[in-house]
């Protein structure tokens, strides 16, 4: 890709894997990139929840690598020591019965937590956290980000929105209505995630399990992942439909329901935990992602990426952000060539 003829500035809203992958590639090509996120840290759903001595992968549990580009990236992460293969035994459960294993799928995790991936991607980026963007505003000088307290940031030559589709639609509706119309049609399911720690190891012969016919869809012994230290820790993910139906329920009701579901699924009583925390992921899983890896409005220089564009996985998020970065670079070059022809 040719270097663009003049200094360009791009804002990225969302510091998850997709947004940071986009930021990294643009920065590698000399683009001035600023990443904004409403949270206190990076990673989005590929983040690590920490409380005192406890740490949990509360969102993305692991990632796989199939596409050649992502395989190469994972190899780089493994070499750098920020990712490793998770060789825990993975099974399927149904009402206390352990069903045949889940084949030879190779699963990877961040080291020592999933948030290591986002920190690695963000190491050369300017990231502004705690900045909640509520809309984009465009004029002849570029696109500005408007925060919830009506603060305006920028003018940017291009803006990438790397948030779940419902949030993306709301942010870009006034500046890129056609893009918003596509994004708002992408459904999202919630995920209620229960994190628990125990003094002793639970007597289960597996480390991860997909759960059938249950309020739960997945359970994992988080402490079995490489680089994890300390007490026995587990993450329990509620099934999408159950999460949607019970998202607004009282925390005590949700926690007790998931604990009972764990007992039914595993056949093992859950002891009183040393630590328990519920996290509500409002936008966790896009059941029907778009076939395209990104959306881009070439009139306004506004794009959108995320796992809802390329598949609900860490790999999909990375490939979506990378593909949109390539499109933005191409758009800058096309603009420079157009100006050169007119001069």
Protein backbone atom coordinates (compact mmCIF):
# COMPACT_ATOMS: atom_id res chain seq x y z
CA UNK A 1 0.00 0.00 0.00
CA UNK A 2 1.42 3.40 -0.99
CA UNK A 3 1.87 5.91 1.80
CA UNK A 4 -0.85 8.55 1.63
CA UNK A 5 0.26 11.94 0.42
CA UNK A 6 -0.60 13.92 3.54
CA UNK A 7 -1.02 13.55 7.27
CA UNK A 8 -4.23 11.69 8.11
CA UNK A 9 -5.99 11.27 11.43
CA UNK A 10 -8.40 8.46 12.28
CA UNK A 11 -10.55 7.92 15.37
CA UNK A 12 -11.55 4.44 16.44
CA UNK A 13 -14.46 4.00 18.85
CA UNK A 14 -14.06 0.76 20.77
CA UNK A 15 -10.88 -0.77 22.21
CA UNK A 16 -11.76 -4.41 21.75
CA UNK A 17 -9.83 -6.81 19.54
CA UNK A 18 -11.44 -5.53 16.34
CA UNK A 19 -10.83 -1.84 17.01
CA UNK A 20 -7.27 -2.40 18.19
CA UNK A 21 -6.41 -4.65 15.23
CA UNK A 22 -7.66 -1.88 12.96
CA UNK A 23 -5.67 0.74 14.89
CA UNK A 24 -2.47 -1.29 14.76
CA UNK A 25 -2.52 -1.75 10.99
CA UNK A 26 -3.37 1.89 10.34
CA UNK A 27 -0.59 3.00 12.69
CA UNK A 28 1.87 0.69 10.97
CA UNK A 29 1.16 2.67 7.77
CA UNK A 30 1.82 6.05 9.31
CA UNK A 31 -1.75 7.05 10.10
CA UNK A 32 -2.29 9.06 13.31
CA UNK A 33 -4.80 6.93 15.22
CA UNK A 34 -6.61 7.67 18.47
CA UNK A 35 -8.72 4.94 20.11
CA UNK A 36 -11.61 5.83 22.44
CA UNK A 37 -13.44 3.49 24.79
CA UNK A 38 -16.09 4.05 27.45
CA UNK A 39 -14.55 1.43 29.77
CA UNK A 40 -11.58 1.80 32.08
CA UNK A 41 -9.45 -0.61 30.06
CA UNK A 42 -9.08 -2.37 26.72
CA UNK A 43 -10.26 -5.72 25.44
CA UNK A 44 -14.04 -5.54 25.34
CA UNK A 45 -15.36 -9.07 25.70
CA UNK A 46 -11.80 -10.41 25.39
CA UNK A 47 -10.86 -8.95 28.77
CA UNK A 48 -9.94 -10.18 32.23
CA UNK A 49 -11.99 -9.39 35.32
CA UNK A 50 -9.77 -8.85 38.36
CA UNK A 51 -10.71 -8.52 42.00
CA UNK A 52 -7.98 -8.77 44.58
CA UNK A 53 -6.16 -12.07 44.08
CA UNK A 54 -8.80 -13.39 41.66
CA UNK A 55 -8.79 -13.11 37.88
CA UNK A 56 -11.34 -14.49 35.42
CA UNK A 57 -11.83 -14.51 31.65
CA UNK A 58 -15.41 -13.34 32.03
CA UNK A 59 -16.16 -12.95 28.32
CA UNK A 60 -14.25 -14.71 25.54
CA UNK A 61 -13.04 -18.01 26.99
CA UNK A 62 -10.51 -18.94 24.33
CA UNK A 63 -9.88 -18.47 20.63
CA UNK A 64 -9.18 -20.72 17.67
CA UNK A 65 -7.22 -19.95 14.51
CA UNK A 66 -8.25 -21.08 11.05
CA UNK A 67 -7.57 -18.22 8.63
CA UNK A 68 -3.91 -18.05 7.50
CA UNK A 69 -3.59 -14.39 8.50
CA UNK A 70 -4.85 -15.07 12.02
CA UNK A 71 -2.80 -18.25 12.34
CA UNK A 72 0.31 -16.16 11.68
CA UNK A 73 -0.80 -13.59 14.26
CA UNK A 74 -1.43 -16.26 16.89
CA UNK A 75 2.01 -17.75 16.21
CA UNK A 76 3.47 -14.30 16.87
CA UNK A 77 1.55 -13.98 20.14
CA UNK A 78 2.67 -17.43 21.28
CA UNK A 79 6.29 -16.61 20.46
CA UNK A 80 5.97 -13.34 22.41
CA UNK A 81 4.60 -15.24 25.41
CA UNK A 82 1.27 -13.41 25.55
CA UNK A 83 -0.76 -16.41 24.33
CA UNK A 84 -0.54 -20.16 24.77
CA UNK A 85 -2.41 -23.31 23.84
CA UNK A 86 -5.02 -24.39 26.39
CA UNK A 87 -4.88 -28.17 26.61
CA UNK A 88 -7.67 -28.62 29.12
CA UNK A 89 -10.10 -31.50 28.58
CA UNK A 90 -13.30 -30.25 26.93
CA UNK A 91 -16.52 -32.29 26.92
CA UNK A 92 -20.26 -31.91 26.46
CA UNK A 93 -22.69 -32.27 29.37
CA UNK A 94 -26.35 -33.19 29.59
CA UNK A 95 -28.10 -33.64 32.95
CA UNK A 96 -25.03 -34.96 34.75
CA UNK A 97 -23.92 -37.18 31.88
CA UNK A 98 -20.55 -36.57 30.22
CA UNK A 99 -20.90 -37.02 26.47
CA UNK A 100 -18.06 -37.74 24.01
CA UNK A 101 -15.29 -35.12 23.82
CA UNK A 102 -15.13 -32.22 21.41
CA UNK A 103 -12.51 -33.55 19.02
CA UNK A 104 -9.04 -32.14 18.47
CA UNK A 105 -9.83 -28.42 18.25
CA UNK A 106 -6.78 -26.41 19.28
CA UNK A 107 -7.74 -23.64 21.67
CA UNK A 108 -5.60 -20.68 22.70
CA UNK A 109 -5.84 -18.20 25.56
CA UNK A 110 -4.14 -14.96 26.51
CA UNK A 111 -1.30 -15.14 29.05
CA UNK A 112 -1.79 -14.62 31.95
CA UNK A 113 -5.32 -13.53 30.98
CA UNK A 114 -7.32 -12.74 27.86
CA UNK A 115 -6.70 -9.02 28.31
CA UNK A 116 -3.04 -9.62 27.45
CA UNK A 117 -4.07 -9.78 23.79
CA UNK A 118 -5.62 -6.33 23.76
CA UNK A 119 -2.74 -4.83 25.75
CA UNK A 120 -0.31 -6.22 23.19
CA UNK A 121 -2.30 -4.81 20.28
CA UNK A 122 -2.58 -1.44 22.03
CA UNK A 123 1.05 -1.10 23.02
CA UNK A 124 1.85 1.44 20.28
CA UNK A 125 -1.60 3.08 20.17
CA UNK A 126 -2.96 6.20 21.81
CA UNK A 127 -5.95 4.95 23.81
CA UNK A 128 -8.35 7.24 25.68
CA UNK A 129 -10.47 5.28 28.15
CA UNK A 130 -13.51 6.49 30.08
CA UNK A 131 -14.73 8.45 27.03
CA UNK A 132 -18.30 7.51 26.09
CA UNK A 133 -19.12 8.55 22.53
CA UNK A 134 -22.84 9.09 21.92
CA UNK A 135 -22.82 10.25 18.30
CA UNK A 136 -20.74 11.32 15.33
CA UNK A 137 -21.08 14.72 13.70
CA UNK A 138 -19.80 15.49 10.24
CA UNK A 139 -19.05 18.76 8.46
CA UNK A 140 -16.83 19.77 5.56
CA UNK A 141 -13.72 19.56 7.77
CA UNK A 142 -14.23 15.97 8.90
CA UNK A 143 -15.98 13.92 11.55
CA UNK A 144 -16.13 14.81 15.25
CA UNK A 145 -16.91 12.54 18.19
CA UNK A 146 -19.47 13.84 20.68
CA UNK A 147 -19.40 12.51 24.25
CA UNK A 148 -22.30 12.13 26.67
CA UNK A 149 -21.41 15.47 28.30
CA UNK A 150 -21.49 17.15 24.87
CA UNK A 151 -17.70 17.38 24.58
CA UNK A 152 -16.49 17.31 20.96
CA UNK A 153 -13.28 15.54 20.08
CA UNK A 154 -11.53 15.97 16.77
CA UNK A 155 -12.01 16.60 13.46
CA UNK A 156 -10.96 13.27 11.98
CA UNK A 157 -10.43 12.33 8.35
CA UNK A 158 -12.09 8.97 9.01
CA UNK A 159 -13.83 7.26 11.91
CA UNK A 160 -14.06 3.54 12.64
CA UNK A 161 -16.75 2.29 15.03
CA UNK A 162 -15.80 -1.05 16.57
CA UNK A 163 -18.70 -1.67 18.95
CA UNK A 164 -21.61 -4.17 18.91
CA UNK A 165 -24.07 -3.56 16.08
CA UNK A 166 -26.87 -1.95 18.18
CA UNK A 167 -24.41 0.55 19.66
CA UNK A 168 -22.84 1.18 16.26
CA UNK A 169 -26.22 1.96 14.72
CA UNK A 170 -26.98 4.52 17.43
CA UNK A 171 -23.58 6.22 17.11
CA UNK A 172 -23.54 6.63 13.32
CA UNK A 173 -27.25 7.22 12.65
CA UNK A 174 -26.99 10.96 11.94
CA UNK A 175 -23.63 10.89 10.13
CA UNK A 176 -24.01 7.66 8.13
CA UNK A 177 -27.69 6.64 8.06
CA UNK A 178 -27.29 3.92 5.42
CA UNK A 179 -24.59 2.21 7.47
CA UNK A 180 -26.76 2.54 10.57
CA UNK A 181 -29.69 0.93 8.78
CA UNK A 182 -27.61 -2.18 8.08
CA UNK A 183 -26.13 -2.37 11.58
CA UNK A 184 -29.46 -2.04 13.37
CA UNK A 185 -30.76 -5.17 11.61
CA UNK A 186 -28.04 -7.37 13.16
CA UNK A 187 -29.45 -9.13 16.25
CA UNK A 188 -27.44 -9.58 19.43
CA UNK A 189 -27.93 -11.89 22.39
CA UNK A 190 -26.83 -11.22 25.95
CA UNK A 191 -24.67 -13.40 28.17
CA UNK A 192 -24.89 -13.63 31.94
CA UNK A 193 -21.49 -14.71 33.26
CA UNK A 194 -20.99 -16.03 36.78
CA UNK A 195 -17.44 -16.07 38.16
CA UNK A 196 -16.74 -18.20 41.25
CA UNK A 197 -13.65 -19.20 43.22
CA UNK A 198 -13.27 -22.17 45.59
CA UNK A 199 -10.71 -23.26 48.14
CA UNK A 200 -10.48 -26.82 46.83
CA UNK A 201 -10.45 -28.33 43.37
CA UNK A 202 -13.88 -29.54 42.22
CA UNK A 203 -13.94 -33.32 41.57
CA UNK A 204 -14.62 -33.06 37.85
CA UNK A 205 -12.61 -34.82 35.16
CA UNK A 206 -12.76 -32.00 32.64
CA UNK A 207 -11.78 -28.34 32.37
CA UNK A 208 -14.38 -27.01 29.95
CA UNK A 209 -17.82 -28.16 28.88
CA UNK A 210 -20.55 -27.18 26.47
CA UNK A 211 -23.89 -27.74 28.21
CA UNK A 212 -27.06 -29.02 26.53
CA UNK A 213 -30.68 -28.43 27.58
CA UNK A 214 -29.79 -26.10 30.43
CA UNK A 215 -29.82 -22.44 31.42
CA UNK A 216 -26.05 -22.80 30.98
CA UNK A 217 -24.26 -23.03 27.65
CA UNK A 218 -20.65 -23.29 28.84
CA UNK A 219 -18.66 -23.87 32.03
CA UNK A 220 -14.89 -23.83 32.44
CA UNK A 221 -12.23 -24.29 35.06
CA UNK A 222 -10.56 -20.95 34.44
CA UNK A 223 -7.66 -21.86 36.70
CA UNK A 224 -6.72 -24.74 34.36
CA UNK A 225 -5.57 -22.30 31.69
CA UNK A 226 -1.82 -21.73 31.32
CA UNK A 227 -0.38 -18.91 33.38
CA UNK A 228 -3.23 -18.87 35.91
CA UNK A 229 -2.25 -19.06 39.56
CA UNK A 230 -4.12 -19.30 42.83
CA UNK A 231 -7.41 -20.85 43.90
CA UNK A 232 -9.82 -22.98 41.89
CA UNK A 233 -11.78 -20.60 39.66
CA UNK A 234 -14.70 -21.27 37.31
CA UNK A 235 -16.65 -19.22 34.77
CA UNK A 236 -20.26 -20.15 34.00
CA UNK A 237 -21.93 -18.70 30.91
CA UNK A 238 -25.71 -18.71 30.66
CA UNK A 239 -27.26 -19.72 27.35
CA UNK A 240 -28.17 -16.84 24.98
CA UNK A 241 -31.95 -17.32 25.18
CA UNK A 242 -31.87 -17.71 28.97
CA UNK A 243 -29.66 -14.63 29.28
CA UNK A 244 -32.03 -12.56 27.15
CA UNK A 245 -35.05 -13.66 29.19
CA UNK A 246 -33.43 -13.13 32.59
CA UNK A 247 -31.07 -10.24 31.91
CA UNK A 248 -32.91 -7.78 34.16
CA UNK A 249 -33.61 -10.25 36.98
CA UNK A 250 -32.27 -9.74 40.49
CA UNK A 251 -28.66 -10.84 40.86
CA UNK A 252 -29.46 -13.27 43.67
CA UNK A 253 -32.06 -15.02 41.49
CA UNK A 254 -29.68 -15.33 38.54
CA UNK A 255 -26.80 -16.60 40.66
CA UNK A 256 -28.89 -19.24 42.38
CA UNK A 257 -30.41 -20.41 39.08
CA UNK A 258 -26.96 -20.80 37.51
CA UNK A 259 -25.57 -22.61 40.56
CA UNK A 260 -28.47 -25.08 40.43
CA UNK A 261 -27.98 -25.53 36.69
CA UNK A 262 -24.29 -26.28 37.30
CA UNK A 263 -25.20 -29.00 39.79
CA UNK A 264 -27.70 -30.58 37.38
CA UNK A 265 -25.25 -30.42 34.46
CA UNK A 266 -22.23 -31.83 36.31
CA UNK A 267 -23.82 -33.98 39.00
CA UNK A 268 -21.47 -32.37 41.53
CA UNK A 269 -22.57 -30.11 44.36
CA UNK A 270 -21.16 -26.60 44.27
CA UNK A 271 -19.55 -25.66 47.60
CA UNK A 272 -19.87 -22.20 49.08
CA UNK A 273 -17.51 -20.05 47.00
CA UNK A 274 -14.73 -17.88 48.36
CA UNK A 275 -15.69 -15.30 45.74
CA UNK A 276 -18.69 -14.83 43.47
CA UNK A 277 -19.44 -12.15 40.92
CA UNK A 278 -22.04 -11.83 38.17
CA UNK A 279 -21.28 -9.89 35.01
CA UNK A 280 -24.02 -8.95 32.55
CA UNK A 281 -22.78 -8.79 28.97
CA UNK A 282 -25.63 -6.94 27.24
CA UNK A 283 -24.28 -7.47 23.72
CA UNK A 284 -22.34 -10.73 23.70
CA UNK A 285 -23.22 -12.91 20.74
CA UNK A 286 -24.39 -12.05 17.20
CA UNK A 287 -26.33 -15.18 16.15
CA UNK A 288 -26.59 -14.01 12.53
CA UNK A 289 -23.42 -12.04 11.65
CA UNK A 290 -23.18 -10.18 8.37
CA UNK A 291 -21.45 -11.98 5.49
CA UNK A 292 -19.12 -9.02 4.88
CA UNK A 293 -16.13 -8.35 7.11
CA UNK A 294 -16.89 -4.67 7.56
CA UNK A 295 -19.16 -1.81 6.58
CA UNK A 296 -17.77 1.38 5.04
CA UNK A 297 -19.38 4.62 3.91
CA UNK A 298 -16.93 5.97 1.33
CA UNK A 299 -18.79 9.28 1.11
CA UNK A 300 -18.16 10.15 4.74
CA UNK A 301 -15.17 8.00 5.64
CA UNK A 302 -17.08 6.18 8.36
CA UNK A 303 -16.68 2.44 8.86
CA UNK A 304 -17.79 -0.29 11.24
CA UNK A 305 -16.17 -3.57 12.19
CA UNK A 306 -16.50 -6.30 14.80
CA UNK A 307 -17.29 -9.96 15.24
CA UNK A 308 -20.83 -9.22 14.02
CA UNK A 309 -19.30 -8.65 10.59
CA UNK A 310 -17.11 -11.72 10.30
CA UNK A 311 -18.24 -14.31 12.82
CA UNK A 312 -18.71 -14.31 16.61
CA UNK A 313 -15.15 -15.20 17.60
CA UNK A 314 -11.90 -13.46 18.51
CA UNK A 315 -10.61 -14.50 15.10
CA UNK A 316 -13.58 -12.89 13.36
CA UNK A 317 -13.10 -9.66 15.30
CA UNK A 318 -9.40 -9.50 14.39
CA UNK A 319 -10.01 -10.21 10.70
CA UNK A 320 -12.84 -7.65 10.56
CA UNK A 321 -10.71 -4.88 12.04
CA UNK A 322 -7.75 -5.71 9.81
CA UNK A 323 -9.90 -5.78 6.67
CA UNK A 324 -11.46 -2.40 7.48
CA UNK A 325 -8.02 -0.87 8.09
CA UNK A 326 -6.99 -2.00 4.60
CA UNK A 327 -10.14 -0.40 3.16
CA UNK A 328 -9.49 2.90 4.95
CA UNK A 329 -5.92 2.96 3.63
CA UNK A 330 -7.22 2.28 0.12
CA UNK A 331 -9.76 5.09 0.53
CA UNK A 332 -7.02 7.55 1.46
CA UNK A 333 -4.97 6.52 -1.57
CA UNK A 334 -8.00 6.81 -3.86
CA UNK A 335 -8.64 10.31 -2.55
CA UNK A 336 -5.04 11.33 -3.16
CA UNK A 337 -5.12 9.94 -6.69
CA UNK A 338 -8.39 11.74 -7.42
CA UNK A 339 -6.94 15.06 -6.26
CA UNK A 340 -3.82 14.48 -8.35
CA UNK A 341 -5.89 13.92 -11.50
CA UNK A 342 -7.79 17.17 -10.92
CA UNK A 343 -4.64 19.24 -10.42
